[in-house]
Amino acid sequence: EEGVETALAAVVEDDASLLGESADLLYHLTVLLRARGLALSDAVAVLEQRHR
């Protein structure tokens, strides 16, 4: 749900709305990762490895 709202905000809303939806998405992603014993920094590390 948050991903869809963020994508829609990117297309049809202003920057403030996009930032708000992005914050919501990051919050829920962080909660999901923590529930699995992971951290946002773990996902960032994957991104860094992909771009080496």
C-alpha atoms as a PDB file:
ATOM      1  CA  GLU A   1       0.000   0.000   0.000  1.00  0.00           C
ATOM      2  CA  GLU A   2       2.690   2.518   0.961  1.00  0.00           C
ATOM      3  CA  GLY A   3       4.653   1.736  -2.189  1.00  0.00           C
ATOM      4  CA  VAL A   4       1.639   2.481  -4.371  1.00  0.00           C
ATOM      5  CA  GLU A   5       0.919   5.707  -2.492  1.00  0.00           C
ATOM      6  CA  THR A   6       4.541   6.795  -2.919  1.00  0.00           C
ATOM      7  CA  ALA A   7       4.481   6.043  -6.647  1.00  0.00           C
ATOM      8  CA  LEU A   8       1.223   7.947  -7.077  1.00  0.00           C
ATOM      9  CA  ALA A   9       2.565  10.913  -5.133  1.00  0.00           C
ATOM     10  CA  ALA A  10       5.597  10.980  -7.430  1.00  0.00           C
ATOM     11  CA  VAL A  11       3.331  11.301 -10.461  1.00  0.00           C
ATOM     12  CA  VAL A  12       0.403  13.458  -9.359  1.00  0.00           C
ATOM     13  CA  GLU A  13       1.297  15.219  -6.105  1.00  0.00           C
ATOM     14  CA  ASP A  14       3.715  17.936  -5.016  1.00  0.00           C
ATOM     15  CA  ASP A  15       7.148  17.447  -3.478  1.00  0.00           C
ATOM     16  CA  ALA A  16       5.831  17.746   0.088  1.00  0.00           C
ATOM     17  CA  SER A  17       3.378  14.903  -0.511  1.00  0.00           C
ATOM     18  CA  LEU A  18       6.082  12.779  -2.109  1.00  0.00           C
ATOM     19  CA  LEU A  19       8.360  13.332   0.871  1.00  0.00           C
ATOM     20  CA  GLY A  20       5.564  12.449   3.289  1.00  0.00           C
ATOM     21  CA  GLU A  21       4.735   9.235   1.461  1.00  0.00           C
ATOM     22  CA  SER A  22       8.432   8.389   1.192  1.00  0.00           C
ATOM     23  CA  ALA A  23       8.808   8.806   4.945  1.00  0.00           C
ATOM     24  CA  ASP A  24       5.830   6.491   5.502  1.00  0.00           C
ATOM     25  CA  LEU A  25       7.327   3.908   3.144  1.00  0.00           C
ATOM     26  CA  LEU A  26      10.709   4.029   4.869  1.00  0.00           C
ATOM     27  CA  TYR A  27       9.065   3.695   8.280  1.00  0.00           C
ATOM     28  CA  HIS A  28       7.121   0.585   7.282  1.00  0.00           C
ATOM     29  CA  LEU A  29      10.152  -0.901   5.532  1.00  0.00           C
ATOM     30  CA  THR A  30      12.247  -0.336   8.658  1.00  0.00           C
ATOM     31  CA  VAL A  31       9.606  -2.044  10.821  1.00  0.00           C
ATOM     32  CA  LEU A  32       9.462  -5.010   8.426  1.00  0.00           C
ATOM     33  CA  LEU A  33      13.240  -5.371   8.335  1.00  0.00           C
ATOM     34  CA  ARG A  34      13.488  -5.172  12.141  1.00  0.00           C
ATOM     35  CA  ALA A  35      10.833  -7.879  12.477  1.00  0.00           C
ATOM     36  CA  ARG A  36      13.131 -10.124  10.433  1.00  0.00           C
ATOM     37  CA  GLY A  37      16.218  -9.180  12.444  1.00  0.00           C
ATOM     38  CA  LEU A  38      17.568  -6.951   9.682  1.00  0.00           C
ATOM     39  CA  ALA A  39      18.312  -3.243   9.405  1.00  0.00           C
ATOM     40  CA  LEU A  40      17.954  -0.608   6.716  1.00  0.00           C
ATOM     41  CA  SER A  41      21.746  -0.472   6.609  1.00  0.00           C
ATOM     42  CA  ASP A  42      21.717  -4.121   5.480  1.00  0.00           C
ATOM     43  CA  ALA A  43      19.633  -3.163   2.444  1.00  0.00           C
ATOM     44  CA  VAL A  44      21.926  -0.197   1.765  1.00  0.00           C
ATOM     45  CA  ALA A  45      24.897  -2.582   1.831  1.00  0.00           C
ATOM     46  CA  VAL A  46      23.211  -4.687  -0.861  1.00  0.00           C
ATOM     47  CA  LEU A  47      22.806  -1.568  -3.017  1.00  0.00           C
ATOM     48  CA  GLU A  48      26.443  -0.653  -2.506  1.00  0.00           C
ATOM     49  CA  GLN A  49      27.558  -4.141  -3.572  1.00  0.00           C
ATOM     50  CA  ARG A  50      25.439  -3.938  -6.721  1.00  0.00           C
ATOM     51  CA  HIS A  51      27.165  -0.756  -7.825  1.00  0.00           C
ATOM     52  CA  ARG A  52      30.755  -1.922  -7.395  1.00  0.00           C
END
